Amino acid sequence: MKEKKLPQFLFNLTPALALLVLAPFALAGYQEFPTSGSYSFTVPYGVTQIFVTGSGPGGYGHVGGQYNGGGGGGSGAFIKNQSFIVVPGSVIPITIGGYANNTIMGTFVSLAPGQDGTIPNGGLGGIPVGIAGENGSPDPMGTFSGGGGIGGFSPGLQVPGDVGYCIGPNAYYEYDCYAGTMGSYGGGGGGGGGVYYDGRGYSYEPGEGGEGFLEISWVNPTFGTINITSNNPAASWTLSGPVVLGDSGVAQTYNNLPTGMYDLSWNAIPGFNPPADPAVLLLAPDGNISFPEGVYTPIVAPTVDLNFN
């Protein structure tokens, strides 16, 4: 069988340039899952690779203590633009984690929640690569009003909860305390500020962690047309590339095939020599290509000369 060779220029391209050659007019597809709950994602036709950004939920900040602010919650575990190979048309279940629950995408991704803060320590980040919340600060001004810790976060991906704090005392030895804010997109909640405990039972709410999320993007596939012909009605073949097709006959036209490299293999017919398999061809966006006609030739039995004269 003749060895098939790819066009040499393809070997000299970086993956990014190859994408430009194969799909110069491709548009990016995008779907986001920003709130906790159960969902599903259906891989579009022709798409074999997706890119995922996401996070587990953030941990809660902790209420402030008598002399210390509460620690900020840790950020949820996160990934950014991580690629995965997928099967077109497959349905992937998705769970977006609320407080203390993982964000999960099928068998591909599981992002743990950040841990809650304590007094005065920040909570640990989720696995993998979650960021720990900051520690609450002790009584910084001698007023028994420690500052809360900032929630953990990944810059550019999550927003942390801001610190809680207390100010005072006033003329009546009272303190005004403010809650830490909620983190967003899996950022940890801010810790509560510390408060002087004077026996009156001060209570104080820390910031909550943000919910998990997922963002899925992909390059929309481009399409073209492939034509196959043969000289024998019994001919059959296998077309292999971004999709695999088996067919037969003297002529077939395939519309709306994903662009890429395609390989054609002819099957044997009893009593005929099969055609040589042609070279691999590139189907470009909106392209229309034809493989050389598959010519089957009859097998001619050798003749034996029985004339002994």
C-alpha atoms as a PDB file:
ATOM      1  CA  MET A   1       0.000   0.000   0.000  1.00  0.00           C
ATOM      2  CA  LYS A   2       1.262   3.440  -0.898  1.00  0.00           C
ATOM      3  CA  GLU A   3       2.384   5.566   2.045  1.00  0.00           C
ATOM      4  CA  LYS A   4       0.188   8.637   2.619  1.00  0.00           C
ATOM      5  CA  LYS A   5       1.921  11.942   3.288  1.00  0.00           C
ATOM      6  CA  LEU A   6       0.533  15.139   4.763  1.00  0.00           C
ATOM      7  CA  PRO A   7       1.337  18.419   3.023  1.00  0.00           C
ATOM      8  CA  GLN A   8       4.723  19.511   4.369  1.00  0.00           C
ATOM      9  CA  PHE A   9       3.630  23.043   5.269  1.00  0.00           C
ATOM     10  CA  LEU A  10       1.333  21.706   8.011  1.00  0.00           C
ATOM     11  CA  PHE A  11       4.325  20.351   9.928  1.00  0.00           C
ATOM     12  CA  ASN A  12       5.829  23.829  10.115  1.00  0.00           C
ATOM     13  CA  LEU A  13       2.819  25.487  11.747  1.00  0.00           C
ATOM     14  CA  THR A  14       2.331  26.134  15.428  1.00  0.00           C
ATOM     15  CA  PRO A  15      -1.057  24.949  16.779  1.00  0.00           C
ATOM     16  CA  ALA A  16      -2.293  28.534  16.770  1.00  0.00           C
ATOM     17  CA  LEU A  17      -1.308  29.076  13.134  1.00  0.00           C
ATOM     18  CA  ALA A  18      -2.741  25.715  12.110  1.00  0.00           C
ATOM     19  CA  LEU A  19      -6.058  26.817  13.596  1.00  0.00           C
ATOM     20  CA  LEU A  20      -5.891  29.961  11.478  1.00  0.00           C
ATOM     21  CA  VAL A  21      -5.222  27.902   8.335  1.00  0.00           C
ATOM     22  CA  LEU A  22      -7.990  25.388   8.990  1.00  0.00           C
ATOM     23  CA  ALA A  23     -10.640  27.763  10.329  1.00  0.00           C
ATOM     24  CA  PRO A  24      -9.858  31.397   9.536  1.00  0.00           C
ATOM     25  CA  PHE A  25     -13.473  32.494   9.883  1.00  0.00           C
ATOM     26  CA  ALA A  26     -14.394  30.404  12.918  1.00  0.00           C
ATOM     27  CA  LEU A  27     -16.298  32.132  15.724  1.00  0.00           C
ATOM     28  CA  ALA A  28     -15.967  31.398  19.404  1.00  0.00           C
ATOM     29  CA  GLY A  29     -18.858  29.644  21.125  1.00  0.00           C
ATOM     30  CA  TYR A  30     -19.484  30.320  24.809  1.00  0.00           C
ATOM     31  CA  GLN A  31     -21.762  29.162  27.617  1.00  0.00           C
ATOM     32  CA  GLU A  32     -21.622  30.100  31.283  1.00  0.00           C
ATOM     33  CA  PHE A  33     -23.067  28.600  34.458  1.00  0.00           C
ATOM     34  CA  PRO A  34     -22.861  31.418  37.052  1.00  0.00           C
ATOM     35  CA  THR A  35     -25.059  30.165  39.899  1.00  0.00           C
ATOM     36  CA  SER A  36     -25.300  27.027  42.015  1.00  0.00           C
ATOM     37  CA  GLY A  37     -27.462  24.187  40.755  1.00  0.00           C
ATOM     38  CA  SER A  38     -27.558  21.211  38.370  1.00  0.00           C
ATOM     39  CA  TYR A  39     -27.211  21.698  34.623  1.00  0.00           C
ATOM     40  CA  SER A  40     -25.997  19.956  31.470  1.00  0.00           C
ATOM     41  CA  PHE A  41     -23.829  20.955  28.515  1.00  0.00           C
ATOM     42  CA  THR A  42     -24.285  19.445  25.044  1.00  0.00           C
ATOM     43  CA  VAL A  43     -21.114  19.466  22.969  1.00  0.00           C
ATOM     44  CA  PRO A  44     -21.912  21.135  19.610  1.00  0.00           C
ATOM     45  CA  TYR A  45     -21.629  19.185  16.356  1.00  0.00           C
ATOM     46  CA  GLY A  46     -18.065  19.118  15.057  1.00  0.00           C
ATOM     47  CA  VAL A  47     -16.523  20.390  18.321  1.00  0.00           C
ATOM     48  CA  THR A  48     -13.819  18.129  19.762  1.00  0.00           C
ATOM     49  CA  GLN A  49     -12.095  20.505  22.204  1.00  0.00           C
ATOM     50  CA  ILE A  50     -13.453  22.861  24.856  1.00  0.00           C
ATOM     51  CA  PHE A  51     -11.790  25.362  27.196  1.00  0.00           C
ATOM     52  CA  VAL A  52     -13.027  25.632  30.769  1.00  0.00           C
ATOM     53  CA  THR A  53     -12.680  28.346  33.410  1.00  0.00           C
ATOM     54  CA  GLY A  54     -14.312  27.861  36.785  1.00  0.00           C
ATOM     55  CA  SER A  55     -14.196  27.744  40.538  1.00  0.00           C
ATOM     56  CA  GLY A  56     -15.538  25.970  43.560  1.00  0.00           C
ATOM     57  CA  PRO A  57     -17.437  28.129  46.088  1.00  0.00           C
ATOM     58  CA  GLY A  58     -15.580  30.357  48.511  1.00  0.00           C
ATOM     59  CA  GLY A  59     -15.460  29.740  52.234  1.00  0.00           C
ATOM     60  CA  TYR A  60     -17.176  32.026  54.728  1.00  0.00           C
ATOM     61  CA  GLY A  61     -15.304  34.576  56.774  1.00  0.00           C
ATOM     62  CA  HIS A  62     -15.435  34.168  60.535  1.00  0.00           C
ATOM     63  CA  VAL A  63     -17.111  36.468  63.018  1.00  0.00           C
ATOM     64  CA  GLY A  64     -14.666  38.661  64.924  1.00  0.00           C
ATOM     65  CA  GLY A  65     -13.487  37.793  68.393  1.00  0.00           C
ATOM     66  CA  GLN A  66     -12.929  39.935  71.477  1.00  0.00           C
ATOM     67  CA  TYR A  67      -9.490  41.162  70.426  1.00  0.00           C
ATOM     68  CA  ASN A  68      -9.099  39.856  66.874  1.00  0.00           C
ATOM     69  CA  GLY A  69     -10.857  40.165  63.571  1.00  0.00           C
ATOM     70  CA  GLY A  70     -12.133  36.974  62.010  1.00  0.00           C
ATOM     71  CA  GLY A  71     -10.135  35.331  59.224  1.00  0.00           C
ATOM     72  CA  GLY A  72     -11.309  35.604  55.624  1.00  0.00           C
ATOM     73  CA  GLY A  73     -12.688  32.519  53.875  1.00  0.00           C
ATOM     74  CA  GLY A  74     -10.479  30.671  51.418  1.00  0.00           C
ATOM     75  CA  SER A  75     -11.210  30.832  47.707  1.00  0.00           C
ATOM     76  CA  GLY A  76     -12.708  27.888  45.891  1.00  0.00           C
ATOM     77  CA  ALA A  77     -10.384  25.762  43.788  1.00  0.00           C
ATOM     78  CA  PHE A  78     -10.102  27.192  40.287  1.00  0.00           C
ATOM     79  CA  ILE A  79      -8.919  26.512  36.756  1.00  0.00           C
ATOM     80  CA  LYS A  80      -8.497  28.978  33.916  1.00  0.00           C
ATOM     81  CA  ASN A  81      -8.804  28.147  30.191  1.00  0.00           C
ATOM     82  CA  GLN A  82      -7.986  24.477  30.732  1.00  0.00           C
ATOM     83  CA  SER A  83      -8.586  22.420  27.592  1.00  0.00           C
ATOM     84  CA  PHE A  84     -10.397  19.084  27.375  1.00  0.00           C
ATOM     85  CA  ILE A  85     -11.023  16.691  24.473  1.00  0.00           C
ATOM     86  CA  VAL A  86     -14.739  15.951  24.061  1.00  0.00           C
ATOM     87  CA  VAL A  87     -17.072  13.969  21.794  1.00  0.00           C
ATOM     88  CA  PRO A  88     -19.448  15.979  19.562  1.00  0.00           C
ATOM     89  CA  GLY A  89     -23.071  15.571  20.626  1.00  0.00           C
ATOM     90  CA  SER A  90     -22.236  14.164  24.061  1.00  0.00           C
ATOM     91  CA  VAL A  91     -24.104  15.530  27.094  1.00  0.00           C
ATOM     92  CA  ILE A  92     -21.957  16.477  30.101  1.00  0.00           C
ATOM     93  CA  PRO A  93     -23.662  16.853  33.510  1.00  0.00           C
ATOM     94  CA  ILE A  94     -22.658  19.934  35.485  1.00  0.00           C
ATOM     95  CA  THR A  95     -23.051  20.797  39.169  1.00  0.00           C
ATOM     96  CA  ILE A  96     -22.192  24.312  40.311  1.00  0.00           C
ATOM     97  CA  GLY A  97     -21.268  24.253  43.966  1.00  0.00           C
ATOM     98  CA  GLY A  98     -23.014  26.359  46.542  1.00  0.00           C
ATOM     99  CA  TYR A  99     -21.543  26.696  50.026  1.00  0.00           C
ATOM    100  CA  ALA A 100     -19.256  23.750  50.955  1.00  0.00           C
ATOM    101  CA  ASN A 101     -20.003  21.786  47.746  1.00  0.00           C
ATOM    102  CA  ASN A 102     -17.760  20.986  44.783  1.00  0.00           C
ATOM    103  CA  THR A 103     -18.214  22.396  41.297  1.00  0.00           C
ATOM    104  CA  ILE A 104     -18.241  19.356  38.972  1.00  0.00           C
ATOM    105  CA  MET A 105     -18.231  18.918  35.191  1.00  0.00           C
ATOM    106  CA  GLY A 106     -18.772  15.243  34.309  1.00  0.00           C
ATOM    107  CA  THR A 107     -15.559  13.259  34.800  1.00  0.00           C
ATOM    108  CA  PHE A 108     -13.419  16.198  33.670  1.00  0.00           C
ATOM    109  CA  VAL A 109     -13.476  18.699  36.529  1.00  0.00           C
ATOM    110  CA  SER A 110     -14.049  18.679  40.291  1.00  0.00           C
ATOM    111  CA  LEU A 111     -13.264  21.949  42.093  1.00  0.00           C
ATOM    112  CA  ALA A 112     -13.385  21.894  45.885  1.00  0.00           C
ATOM    113  CA  PRO A 113     -14.819  24.696  48.033  1.00  0.00           C
ATOM    114  CA  GLY A 114     -12.667  27.039  50.069  1.00  0.00           C
ATOM    115  CA  GLN A 115     -12.604  26.498  53.815  1.00  0.00           C
ATOM    116  CA  ASP A 116     -14.137  28.878  56.314  1.00  0.00           C
ATOM    117  CA  GLY A 117     -12.010  31.321  58.260  1.00  0.00           C
ATOM    118  CA  THR A 118     -11.409  30.981  61.997  1.00  0.00           C
ATOM    119  CA  ILE A 119     -10.275  33.416  64.688  1.00  0.00           C
ATOM    120  CA  PRO A 120      -7.942  34.902  63.606  1.00  0.00           C
ATOM    121  CA  ASN A 121      -6.751  32.662  60.748  1.00  0.00           C
ATOM    122  CA  GLY A 122      -7.945  32.755  57.148  1.00  0.00           C
ATOM    123  CA  GLY A 123      -9.513  29.618  55.680  1.00  0.00           C
ATOM    124  CA  LEU A 124      -7.518  27.418  53.316  1.00  0.00           C
ATOM    125  CA  GLY A 125      -8.236  27.439  49.603  1.00  0.00           C
ATOM    126  CA  GLY A 126      -9.912  24.536  47.824  1.00  0.00           C
ATOM    127  CA  ILE A 127      -8.010  21.873  45.870  1.00  0.00           C
ATOM    128  CA  PRO A 128      -6.519  22.417  43.327  1.00  0.00           C
ATOM    129  CA  VAL A 129      -4.826  25.810  43.755  1.00  0.00           C
ATOM    130  CA  GLY A 130      -7.429  27.625  45.838  1.00  0.00           C
ATOM    131  CA  ILE A 131      -6.039  30.685  47.630  1.00  0.00           C
ATOM    132  CA  ALA A 132      -6.206  31.009  51.423  1.00  0.00           C
ATOM    133  CA  GLY A 133      -8.036  33.913  53.017  1.00  0.00           C
ATOM    134  CA  GLU A 134      -6.088  36.505  54.975  1.00  0.00           C
ATOM    135  CA  ASN A 135      -5.825  36.367  58.734  1.00  0.00           C
ATOM    136  CA  GLY A 136      -7.876  38.795  60.745  1.00  0.00           C
ATOM    137  CA  SER A 137      -5.776  41.567  62.288  1.00  0.00           C
ATOM    138  CA  PRO A 138      -5.473  41.966  66.060  1.00  0.00           C
ATOM    139  CA  ASP A 139      -6.615  45.125  67.875  1.00  0.00           C
ATOM    140  CA  PRO A 140      -4.663  47.498  65.613  1.00  0.00           C
ATOM    141  CA  MET A 141      -5.452  50.796  67.386  1.00  0.00           C
ATOM    142  CA  GLY A 142      -5.695  49.712  70.979  1.00  0.00           C
ATOM    143  CA  THR A 143      -9.476  49.985  70.733  1.00  0.00           C
ATOM    144  CA  PHE A 144     -10.311  46.274  70.965  1.00  0.00           C
ATOM    145  CA  SER A 145     -11.597  46.421  67.361  1.00  0.00           C
ATOM    146  CA  GLY A 146      -9.589  44.074  65.161  1.00  0.00           C
ATOM    147  CA  GLY A 147     -10.038  44.123  61.357  1.00  0.00           C
ATOM    148  CA  GLY A 148     -11.395  41.107  59.509  1.00  0.00           C
ATOM    149  CA  GLY A 149      -9.352  39.230  56.908  1.00  0.00           C
ATOM    150  CA  ILE A 150      -9.877  39.560  53.156  1.00  0.00           C
ATOM    151  CA  GLY A 151     -11.305  36.484  51.489  1.00  0.00           C
ATOM    152  CA  GLY A 152      -9.056  34.432  49.231  1.00  0.00           C
ATOM    153  CA  PHE A 153      -9.317  34.850  45.432  1.00  0.00           C
ATOM    154  CA  SER A 154      -7.547  34.419  42.114  1.00  0.00           C
ATOM    155  CA  PRO A 155      -6.878  37.823  40.474  1.00  0.00           C
ATOM    156  CA  GLY A 156      -8.829  38.232  37.264  1.00  0.00           C
ATOM    157  CA  LEU A 157     -11.033  35.249  38.054  1.00  0.00           C
ATOM    158  CA  GLN A 158     -12.699  35.876  41.408  1.00  0.00           C
ATOM    159  CA  VAL A 159     -13.515  38.877  43.579  1.00  0.00           C
ATOM    160  CA  PRO A 160     -12.873  38.447  47.321  1.00  0.00           C
ATOM    161  CA  GLY A 161     -15.176  39.514  50.084  1.00  0.00           C
ATOM    162  CA  ASP A 162     -13.950  42.702  51.737  1.00  0.00           C
ATOM    163  CA  VAL A 163     -12.971  42.898  55.407  1.00  0.00           C
ATOM    164  CA  GLY A 164     -15.348  43.526  58.237  1.00  0.00           C
ATOM    165  CA  TYR A 165     -14.280  45.977  60.899  1.00  0.00           C
ATOM    166  CA  CYS A 166     -15.324  47.799  64.070  1.00  0.00           C
ATOM    167  CA  ILE A 167     -14.821  51.423  65.057  1.00  0.00           C
ATOM    168  CA  GLY A 168     -15.120  52.979  68.476  1.00  0.00           C
ATOM    169  CA  PRO A 169     -15.563  53.360  71.291  1.00  0.00           C
ATOM    170  CA  ASN A 170     -17.802  56.402  71.415  1.00  0.00           C
ATOM    171  CA  ALA A 171     -18.548  58.423  74.547  1.00  0.00           C
ATOM    172  CA  TYR A 172     -20.708  55.553  75.774  1.00  0.00           C
ATOM    173  CA  TYR A 173     -17.966  52.944  75.145  1.00  0.00           C
ATOM    174  CA  GLU A 174     -19.947  51.475  72.285  1.00  0.00           C
ATOM    175  CA  TYR A 175     -18.561  50.095  69.025  1.00  0.00           C
ATOM    176  CA  ASP A 176     -20.009  50.194  65.539  1.00  0.00           C
ATOM    177  CA  CYS A 177     -19.251  47.000  63.619  1.00  0.00           C
ATOM    178  CA  TYR A 178     -19.609  46.316  59.906  1.00  0.00           C
ATOM    179  CA  ALA A 179     -19.911  42.976  58.170  1.00  0.00           C
ATOM    180  CA  GLY A 180     -17.419  41.595  55.741  1.00  0.00           C
ATOM    181  CA  THR A 181     -18.830  41.460  52.212  1.00  0.00           C
ATOM    182  CA  MET A 182     -19.599  38.419  50.080  1.00  0.00           C
ATOM    183  CA  GLY A 183     -17.006  37.181  47.620  1.00  0.00           C
ATOM    184  CA  SER A 184     -18.051  36.562  44.013  1.00  0.00           C
ATOM    185  CA  TYR A 185     -17.361  33.712  41.576  1.00  0.00           C
ATOM    186  CA  GLY A 186     -15.878  31.489  44.238  1.00  0.00           C
ATOM    187  CA  GLY A 187     -13.956  34.196  46.078  1.00  0.00           C
ATOM    188  CA  GLY A 188     -13.843  33.730  49.846  1.00  0.00           C
ATOM    189  CA  GLY A 189     -15.968  35.883  52.094  1.00  0.00           C
ATOM    190  CA  GLY A 190     -14.377  38.657  54.149  1.00  0.00           C
ATOM    191  CA  GLY A 191     -13.836  37.980  57.829  1.00  0.00           C
ATOM    192  CA  GLY A 192     -15.730  39.800  60.563  1.00  0.00           C
ATOM    193  CA  GLY A 193     -14.142  42.609  62.514  1.00  0.00           C
ATOM    194  CA  GLY A 194     -13.175  42.109  66.130  1.00  0.00           C
ATOM    195  CA  VAL A 195     -15.292  43.735  68.822  1.00  0.00           C
ATOM    196  CA  TYR A 196     -14.739  44.592  72.443  1.00  0.00           C
ATOM    197  CA  TYR A 197     -16.973  42.226  74.421  1.00  0.00           C
ATOM    198  CA  ASP A 198     -18.524  44.142  77.288  1.00  0.00           C
ATOM    199  CA  GLY A 199     -20.972  41.550  78.544  1.00  0.00           C
ATOM    200  CA  ARG A 200     -23.845  42.786  76.429  1.00  0.00           C
ATOM    201  CA  GLY A 201     -23.547  39.945  73.946  1.00  0.00           C
ATOM    202  CA  TYR A 202     -22.354  41.687  70.810  1.00  0.00           C
ATOM    203  CA  SER A 203     -22.939  39.476  67.783  1.00  0.00           C
ATOM    204  CA  TYR A 204     -21.681  40.058  64.289  1.00  0.00           C
ATOM    205  CA  GLU A 205     -22.085  38.563  60.793  1.00  0.00           C
ATOM    206  CA  PRO A 206     -19.054  37.745  58.629  1.00  0.00           C
ATOM    207  CA  GLY A 207     -18.994  37.805  54.853  1.00  0.00           C
ATOM    208  CA  GLU A 208     -20.198  34.809  52.835  1.00  0.00           C
ATOM    209  CA  GLY A 209     -18.187  33.064  50.161  1.00  0.00           C
ATOM    210  CA  GLY A 210     -19.162  33.421  46.540  1.00  0.00           C
ATOM    211  CA  GLU A 211     -20.857  30.554  44.685  1.00  0.00           C
ATOM    212  CA  GLY A 212     -18.916  28.417  42.252  1.00  0.00           C
ATOM    213  CA  PHE A 213     -19.180  28.890  38.484  1.00  0.00           C
ATOM    214  CA  LEU A 214     -18.109  27.480  35.132  1.00  0.00           C
ATOM    215  CA  GLU A 215     -17.482  29.129  31.772  1.00  0.00           C
ATOM    216  CA  ILE A 216     -17.093  26.863  28.711  1.00  0.00           C
ATOM    217  CA  SER A 217     -15.812  28.137  25.374  1.00  0.00           C
ATOM    218  CA  TRP A 218     -14.939  26.521  22.065  1.00  0.00           C
ATOM    219  CA  VAL A 219     -14.100  27.355  18.474  1.00  0.00           C
ATOM    220  CA  ASN A 220     -17.162  26.932  16.305  1.00  0.00           C
ATOM    221  CA  PRO A 221     -16.349  24.425  13.561  1.00  0.00           C
ATOM    222  CA  THR A 222     -16.342  25.386   9.895  1.00  0.00           C
ATOM    223  CA  PHE A 223     -17.599  23.108   7.137  1.00  0.00           C
ATOM    224  CA  GLY A 224     -17.043  22.099   3.532  1.00  0.00           C
ATOM    225  CA  THR A 225     -17.905  19.498   0.884  1.00  0.00           C
ATOM    226  CA  ILE A 226     -16.137  16.272  -0.186  1.00  0.00           C
ATOM    227  CA  ASN A 227     -16.845  14.331  -3.405  1.00  0.00           C
ATOM    228  CA  ILE A 228     -15.974  10.641  -3.950  1.00  0.00           C
ATOM    229  CA  THR A 229     -16.382   8.731  -7.229  1.00  0.00           C
ATOM    230  CA  SER A 230     -15.537   5.247  -8.474  1.00  0.00           C
ATOM    231  CA  ASN A 231     -15.937   3.196 -11.663  1.00  0.00           C
ATOM    232  CA  ASN A 232     -17.625   0.233  -9.983  1.00  0.00           C
ATOM    233  CA  PRO A 233     -21.137   0.133  -8.426  1.00  0.00           C
ATOM    234  CA  ALA A 234     -19.850  -2.386  -5.867  1.00  0.00           C
ATOM    235  CA  ALA A 235     -17.118  -0.033  -4.675  1.00  0.00           C
ATOM    236  CA  SER A 236     -17.008   0.829  -0.968  1.00  0.00           C
ATOM    237  CA  TRP A 237     -14.741   2.997   1.120  1.00  0.00           C
ATOM    238  CA  THR A 238     -13.984   4.551   4.506  1.00  0.00           C
ATOM    239  CA  LEU A 239     -13.529   8.309   4.831  1.00  0.00           C
ATOM    240  CA  SER A 240     -11.600   9.249   7.985  1.00  0.00           C
ATOM    241  CA  GLY A 241     -10.958  12.675   9.500  1.00  0.00           C
ATOM    242  CA  PRO A 242     -12.781  14.884  12.011  1.00  0.00           C
ATOM    243  CA  VAL A 243     -15.684  12.497  11.282  1.00  0.00           C
ATOM    244  CA  VAL A 244     -15.545   8.887  10.007  1.00  0.00           C
ATOM    245  CA  LEU A 245     -17.925   7.678   7.280  1.00  0.00           C
ATOM    246  CA  GLY A 246     -18.330   4.379   5.473  1.00  0.00           C
ATOM    247  CA  ASP A 247     -20.215   4.273   2.175  1.00  0.00           C
ATOM    248  CA  SER A 248     -20.461   2.649  -1.283  1.00  0.00           C
ATOM    249  CA  GLY A 249     -21.477   3.299  -4.888  1.00  0.00           C
ATOM    250  CA  VAL A 250     -20.142   5.125  -7.917  1.00  0.00           C
ATOM    251  CA  ALA A 251     -20.590   8.709  -6.611  1.00  0.00           C
ATOM    252  CA  GLN A 252     -21.270  10.384  -3.272  1.00  0.00           C
ATOM    253  CA  THR A 253     -21.189  14.019  -2.181  1.00  0.00           C
ATOM    254  CA  TYR A 254     -20.877  14.863   1.526  1.00  0.00           C
ATOM    255  CA  ASN A 255     -21.973  18.349   2.503  1.00  0.00           C
ATOM    256  CA  ASN A 256     -21.409  20.100   5.850  1.00  0.00           C
ATOM    257  CA  LEU A 257     -18.375  18.062   6.890  1.00  0.00           C
ATOM    258  CA  PRO A 258     -16.157  19.662   9.561  1.00  0.00           C
ATOM    259  CA  THR A 259     -12.961  21.096   8.113  1.00  0.00           C
ATOM    260  CA  GLY A 260      -9.637  19.323   8.597  1.00  0.00           C
ATOM    261  CA  MET A 261      -7.497  16.546   7.116  1.00  0.00           C
ATOM    262  CA  TYR A 262      -9.327  13.623   5.444  1.00  0.00           C
ATOM    263  CA  ASP A 263      -8.051  10.195   4.438  1.00  0.00           C
ATOM    264  CA  LEU A 264      -9.817   7.849   1.963  1.00  0.00           C
ATOM    265  CA  SER A 265      -9.356   4.050   1.960  1.00  0.00           C
ATOM    266  CA  TRP A 266     -10.885   1.787  -0.733  1.00  0.00           C
ATOM    267  CA  ASN A 267     -12.194  -1.668   0.149  1.00  0.00           C
ATOM    268  CA  ALA A 268     -11.585  -4.803  -1.903  1.00  0.00           C
ATOM    269  CA  ILE A 269     -14.066  -6.270  -4.411  1.00  0.00           C
ATOM    270  CA  PRO A 270     -13.673  -9.988  -5.340  1.00  0.00           C
ATOM    271  CA  GLY A 271     -12.226 -10.316  -8.829  1.00  0.00           C
ATOM    272  CA  PHE A 272     -10.888  -6.742  -8.966  1.00  0.00           C
ATOM    273  CA  ASN A 273      -7.696  -4.930  -8.071  1.00  0.00           C
ATOM    274  CA  PRO A 274      -8.566  -2.106  -5.661  1.00  0.00           C
ATOM    275  CA  PRO A 275      -7.527   1.487  -6.383  1.00  0.00           C
ATOM    276  CA  ALA A 276      -4.444   2.865  -4.687  1.00  0.00           C
ATOM    277  CA  ASP A 277      -5.423   4.869  -1.608  1.00  0.00           C
ATOM    278  CA  PRO A 278      -5.049   8.575  -2.439  1.00  0.00           C
ATOM    279  CA  ALA A 279      -3.059  11.169  -0.540  1.00  0.00           C
ATOM    280  CA  VAL A 280      -4.586  12.851   2.498  1.00  0.00           C
ATOM    281  CA  LEU A 281      -6.486  16.027   1.529  1.00  0.00           C
ATOM    282  CA  LEU A 282      -7.196  19.231   3.448  1.00  0.00           C
ATOM    283  CA  LEU A 283     -10.819  20.416   3.576  1.00  0.00           C
ATOM    284  CA  ALA A 284     -10.708  24.182   4.169  1.00  0.00           C
ATOM    285  CA  PRO A 285     -13.632  26.335   5.414  1.00  0.00           C
ATOM    286  CA  ASP A 286     -16.341  26.460   2.700  1.00  0.00           C
ATOM    287  CA  GLY A 287     -14.082  24.252   0.580  1.00  0.00           C
ATOM    288  CA  ASN A 288     -15.176  21.711  -2.026  1.00  0.00           C
ATOM    289  CA  ILE A 289     -12.659  18.939  -2.716  1.00  0.00           C
ATOM    290  CA  SER A 290     -12.729  15.727  -4.757  1.00  0.00           C
ATOM    291  CA  PHE A 291     -10.629  12.625  -4.282  1.00  0.00           C
ATOM    292  CA  PRO A 292      -9.269  11.029  -7.484  1.00  0.00           C
ATOM    293  CA  GLU A 293     -11.687   8.522  -8.991  1.00  0.00           C
ATOM    294  CA  GLY A 294     -11.307   5.059  -7.540  1.00  0.00           C
ATOM    295  CA  VAL A 295     -10.656   2.803 -10.521  1.00  0.00           C
ATOM    296  CA  TYR A 296     -11.108  -0.943  -9.967  1.00  0.00           C
ATOM    297  CA  THR A 297      -9.469  -3.129 -12.629  1.00  0.00           C
ATOM    298  CA  PRO A 298     -10.451  -6.765 -13.268  1.00  0.00           C
ATOM    299  CA  ILE A 299      -8.038  -9.423 -12.130  1.00  0.00           C
ATOM    300  CA  VAL A 300      -6.988 -11.287 -15.270  1.00  0.00           C
ATOM    301  CA  ALA A 301      -6.221 -14.963 -14.735  1.00  0.00           C
ATOM    302  CA  PRO A 302      -2.883 -16.044 -16.238  1.00  0.00           C
ATOM    303  CA  THR A 303      -3.148 -18.091 -19.413  1.00  0.00           C
ATOM    304  CA  VAL A 304      -1.415 -21.438 -19.840  1.00  0.00           C
ATOM    305  CA  ASP A 305      -0.123 -22.499 -23.270  1.00  0.00           C
ATOM    306  CA  LEU A 306      -0.943 -26.235 -23.708  1.00  0.00           C
ATOM    307  CA  ASN A 307       0.506 -26.479 -27.232  1.00  0.00           C
ATOM    308  CA  PHE A 308       3.287 -29.073 -27.053  1.00  0.00           C
ATOM    309  CA  ASN A 309       4.256 -28.883 -30.740  1.00  0.00           C
END
